[in-house]
């Protein structure tokens, strides 16, 4: 059985962060041991690294399932990550909207409309994904580091290359004399 990262009981309207291999899946707790979540076909508790294949899908289904069947053997935590930034909607409004979406096939995009966007829109009225933002920041940082490394190497090649050229010119002149 999975465990929470701390011992707290979710309340209706709480965001549930589930720690999968390589990413986090998100759901919203609706009470009585159930969550509602946006799930592409590859998303399920025992999928392991295969569930990362969700990036290939452009549609996902809104499902209501028992918390423990969604979590599986993974760890999870209650993570109302934007409470300090936005006023949460009433749990009644959250649950009502989540229930109205059950069984619907929605557009899915890992960058613009993933499970985290889905639950933050339900709780705050604002679709956001911190894990996408982190990935973009990391990607930008890696890209920037690569560009800086390339620039440093190019500058070093230019500096040392010109010195080598000077040496070759000097040696060629010596041979002529």
Protein backbone atom coordinates (compact mmCIF):
# COMPACT_ATOMS: atom_id res chain seq x y z
CA UNK A 1 0.00 0.00 0.00
CA UNK A 2 1.22 3.49 -0.82
CA UNK A 3 1.90 6.07 1.81
CA UNK A 4 1.61 9.80 2.02
CA UNK A 5 4.73 11.88 2.36
CA UNK A 6 3.23 13.03 5.64
CA UNK A 7 0.34 11.81 7.74
CA UNK A 8 -2.58 14.02 6.78
CA UNK A 9 -6.05 13.10 5.66
CA UNK A 10 -7.25 14.81 2.49
CA UNK A 11 -10.33 17.01 2.59
CA UNK A 12 -12.74 17.49 -0.34
CA UNK A 13 -11.18 19.94 -2.79
CA UNK A 14 -7.57 19.11 -1.83
CA UNK A 15 -5.07 18.57 -4.62
CA UNK A 16 -3.32 15.21 -4.50
CA UNK A 17 0.19 14.98 -5.93
CA UNK A 18 1.19 11.41 -6.81
CA UNK A 19 4.89 10.74 -7.30
CA UNK A 20 5.30 8.55 -10.38
CA UNK A 21 8.60 7.55 -11.97
CA UNK A 22 9.95 10.74 -13.58
CA UNK A 23 6.91 13.00 -13.06
CA UNK A 24 3.93 13.71 -10.81
CA UNK A 25 0.33 12.79 -11.55
CA UNK A 26 -2.36 15.04 -10.05
CA UNK A 27 -5.90 14.41 -8.84
CA UNK A 28 -8.45 16.27 -6.76
CA UNK A 29 -9.93 14.65 -3.67
CA UNK A 30 -13.73 14.60 -3.73
CA UNK A 31 -14.41 12.75 -0.47
CA UNK A 32 -15.26 9.22 0.67
CA UNK A 33 -11.88 7.93 -0.52
CA UNK A 34 -12.32 9.07 -4.14
CA UNK A 35 -10.44 11.40 -6.48
CA UNK A 36 -11.24 12.85 -9.88
CA UNK A 37 -8.38 13.17 -12.35
CA UNK A 38 -7.59 13.70 -16.01
CA UNK A 39 -6.06 10.48 -17.29
CA UNK A 40 -4.56 9.78 -20.70
CA UNK A 41 -4.73 6.07 -21.69
CA UNK A 42 -1.21 5.30 -20.38
CA UNK A 43 -1.88 6.79 -16.92
CA UNK A 44 -2.48 4.18 -14.25
CA UNK A 45 -0.89 3.20 -10.98
CA UNK A 46 1.10 0.17 -12.13
CA UNK A 47 2.26 1.60 -15.47
CA UNK A 48 5.67 2.63 -14.13
CA UNK A 49 7.84 4.45 -16.65
CA UNK A 50 5.36 3.50 -19.41
CA UNK A 51 2.95 6.10 -18.01
CA UNK A 52 5.36 8.79 -19.23
CA UNK A 53 4.03 7.89 -22.71
CA UNK A 54 1.12 10.23 -21.91
CA UNK A 55 3.07 12.92 -23.79
CA UNK A 56 2.05 11.13 -26.99
CA UNK A 57 -1.70 11.51 -26.41
CA UNK A 58 -3.87 14.46 -27.34
CA UNK A 59 -7.00 13.31 -25.48
CA UNK A 60 -7.65 12.17 -21.93
CA UNK A 61 -10.68 11.04 -19.92
CA UNK A 62 -11.95 12.59 -16.69
CA UNK A 63 -12.27 9.70 -14.23
CA UNK A 64 -13.50 9.19 -10.69
CA UNK A 65 -11.62 6.41 -8.94
CA UNK A 66 -10.64 5.35 -5.46
CA UNK A 67 -7.61 7.26 -4.24
CA UNK A 68 -5.67 4.07 -3.50
CA UNK A 69 -6.29 2.57 -6.94
CA UNK A 70 -4.93 5.75 -8.59
CA UNK A 71 -1.97 5.99 -6.20
CA UNK A 72 -1.05 2.29 -6.28
CA UNK A 73 2.35 1.72 -4.68
CA UNK A 74 3.51 5.30 -5.22
CA UNK A 75 3.80 7.97 -2.56
CA UNK A 76 1.45 10.94 -2.58
CA UNK A 77 0.89 14.15 -0.70
CA UNK A 78 -1.78 16.77 -0.28
CA UNK A 79 -0.36 19.74 -2.17
CA UNK A 80 -2.58 22.78 -2.47
CA UNK A 81 0.37 24.44 -4.14
CA UNK A 82 -1.23 27.74 -5.15
CA UNK A 83 -3.17 28.56 -1.95
CA UNK A 84 -0.64 31.31 -1.19
CA UNK A 85 -1.21 32.85 -4.63
CA UNK A 86 -4.94 32.35 -5.33
CA UNK A 87 -8.11 32.07 -3.27
CA UNK A 88 -9.40 28.49 -3.59
CA UNK A 89 -12.95 28.14 -4.87
CA UNK A 90 -15.50 26.65 -2.46
CA UNK A 91 -15.22 22.89 -2.19
CA UNK A 92 -18.88 22.67 -3.26
CA UNK A 93 -18.09 24.49 -6.55
CA UNK A 94 -14.94 22.41 -7.07
CA UNK A 95 -16.76 19.10 -6.56
CA UNK A 96 -19.77 20.15 -8.64
CA UNK A 97 -17.60 21.15 -11.62
CA UNK A 98 -15.39 18.07 -11.30
CA UNK A 99 -18.47 15.80 -11.21
CA UNK A 100 -19.93 17.56 -14.29
CA UNK A 101 -16.81 16.62 -16.26
CA UNK A 102 -16.84 12.90 -15.38
CA UNK A 103 -16.49 10.61 -18.38
CA UNK A 104 -15.73 13.47 -20.77
CA UNK A 105 -12.87 13.25 -23.21
CA UNK A 106 -10.86 16.47 -23.00
CA UNK A 107 -7.94 17.78 -25.05
CA UNK A 108 -4.66 16.74 -23.47
CA UNK A 109 -1.30 18.43 -23.91
CA UNK A 110 1.56 17.91 -21.49
CA UNK A 111 2.53 21.59 -21.86
CA UNK A 112 -0.89 23.31 -21.94
CA UNK A 113 -3.50 20.92 -20.61
CA UNK A 114 -2.23 18.11 -18.40
CA UNK A 115 -3.57 16.61 -15.15
CA UNK A 116 -1.99 19.38 -13.05
CA UNK A 117 -3.59 22.10 -15.22
CA UNK A 118 -6.89 20.24 -14.81
CA UNK A 119 -6.88 20.16 -11.00
CA UNK A 120 -5.52 23.68 -10.52
CA UNK A 121 -8.27 25.01 -12.76
CA UNK A 122 -10.85 23.16 -10.64
CA UNK A 123 -9.45 24.44 -7.33
CA UNK A 124 -8.39 27.98 -8.30
CA UNK A 125 -10.05 28.71 -11.63
CA UNK A 126 -6.51 29.02 -13.06
CA UNK A 127 -4.95 26.19 -15.10
CA UNK A 128 -1.28 26.04 -14.11
CA UNK A 129 1.44 23.43 -14.04
CA UNK A 130 4.52 24.00 -11.93
CA UNK A 131 6.17 20.81 -13.16
CA UNK A 132 5.89 22.05 -16.76
CA UNK A 133 7.29 25.44 -15.74
CA UNK A 134 10.19 23.72 -13.94
CA UNK A 135 10.89 21.53 -16.97
CA UNK A 136 10.89 24.58 -19.24
CA UNK A 137 13.18 26.46 -16.85
CA UNK A 138 15.55 23.49 -16.62
CA UNK A 139 15.48 23.10 -20.41
CA UNK A 140 16.16 26.80 -20.86
CA UNK A 141 18.96 26.61 -18.29
CA UNK A 142 20.53 23.62 -20.04
CA UNK A 143 20.18 25.41 -23.40
CA UNK A 144 21.74 28.57 -21.98
CA UNK A 145 24.58 26.59 -20.41
CA UNK A 146 25.20 24.86 -23.75
CA UNK A 147 25.25 28.21 -25.57
CA UNK A 148 27.66 29.68 -23.01
CA UNK A 149 29.90 26.61 -23.26
CA UNK A 150 29.88 26.87 -27.04
CA UNK A 151 30.71 30.60 -26.87
CA UNK A 152 33.60 29.96 -24.46
CA UNK A 153 34.94 27.17 -26.68
CA UNK A 154 34.59 29.34 -29.78
CA UNK A 155 36.40 32.21 -28.06
CA UNK A 156 39.16 29.87 -26.86
CA UNK A 157 39.51 28.41 -30.34
CA UNK A 158 39.73 31.91 -31.82
CA UNK A 159 42.34 33.04 -29.28
CA UNK A 160 44.44 29.90 -29.37
CA UNK A 161 43.83 29.38 -33.06
CA UNK A 162 45.20 32.85 -33.85
CA UNK A 163 48.27 32.19 -31.67
CA UNK A 164 48.84 28.92 -33.55
CA UNK A 165 48.53 30.83 -36.82
CA UNK A 166 51.07 33.39 -35.59
CA UNK A 167 53.46 30.56 -34.67
CA UNK A 168 53.01 28.92 -38.07
CA UNK A 169 53.62 32.25 -39.85
CA UNK A 170 56.70 32.90 -37.69
CA UNK A 171 58.06 29.37 -38.39
CA UNK A 172 57.42 29.76 -42.12
CA UNK A 173 59.34 33.07 -42.16
CA UNK A 174 62.25 31.45 -40.25
CA UNK A 175 62.44 28.68 -42.85
CA UNK A 176 62.64 31.21 -45.65
CA UNK A 177 65.59 32.97 -44.01
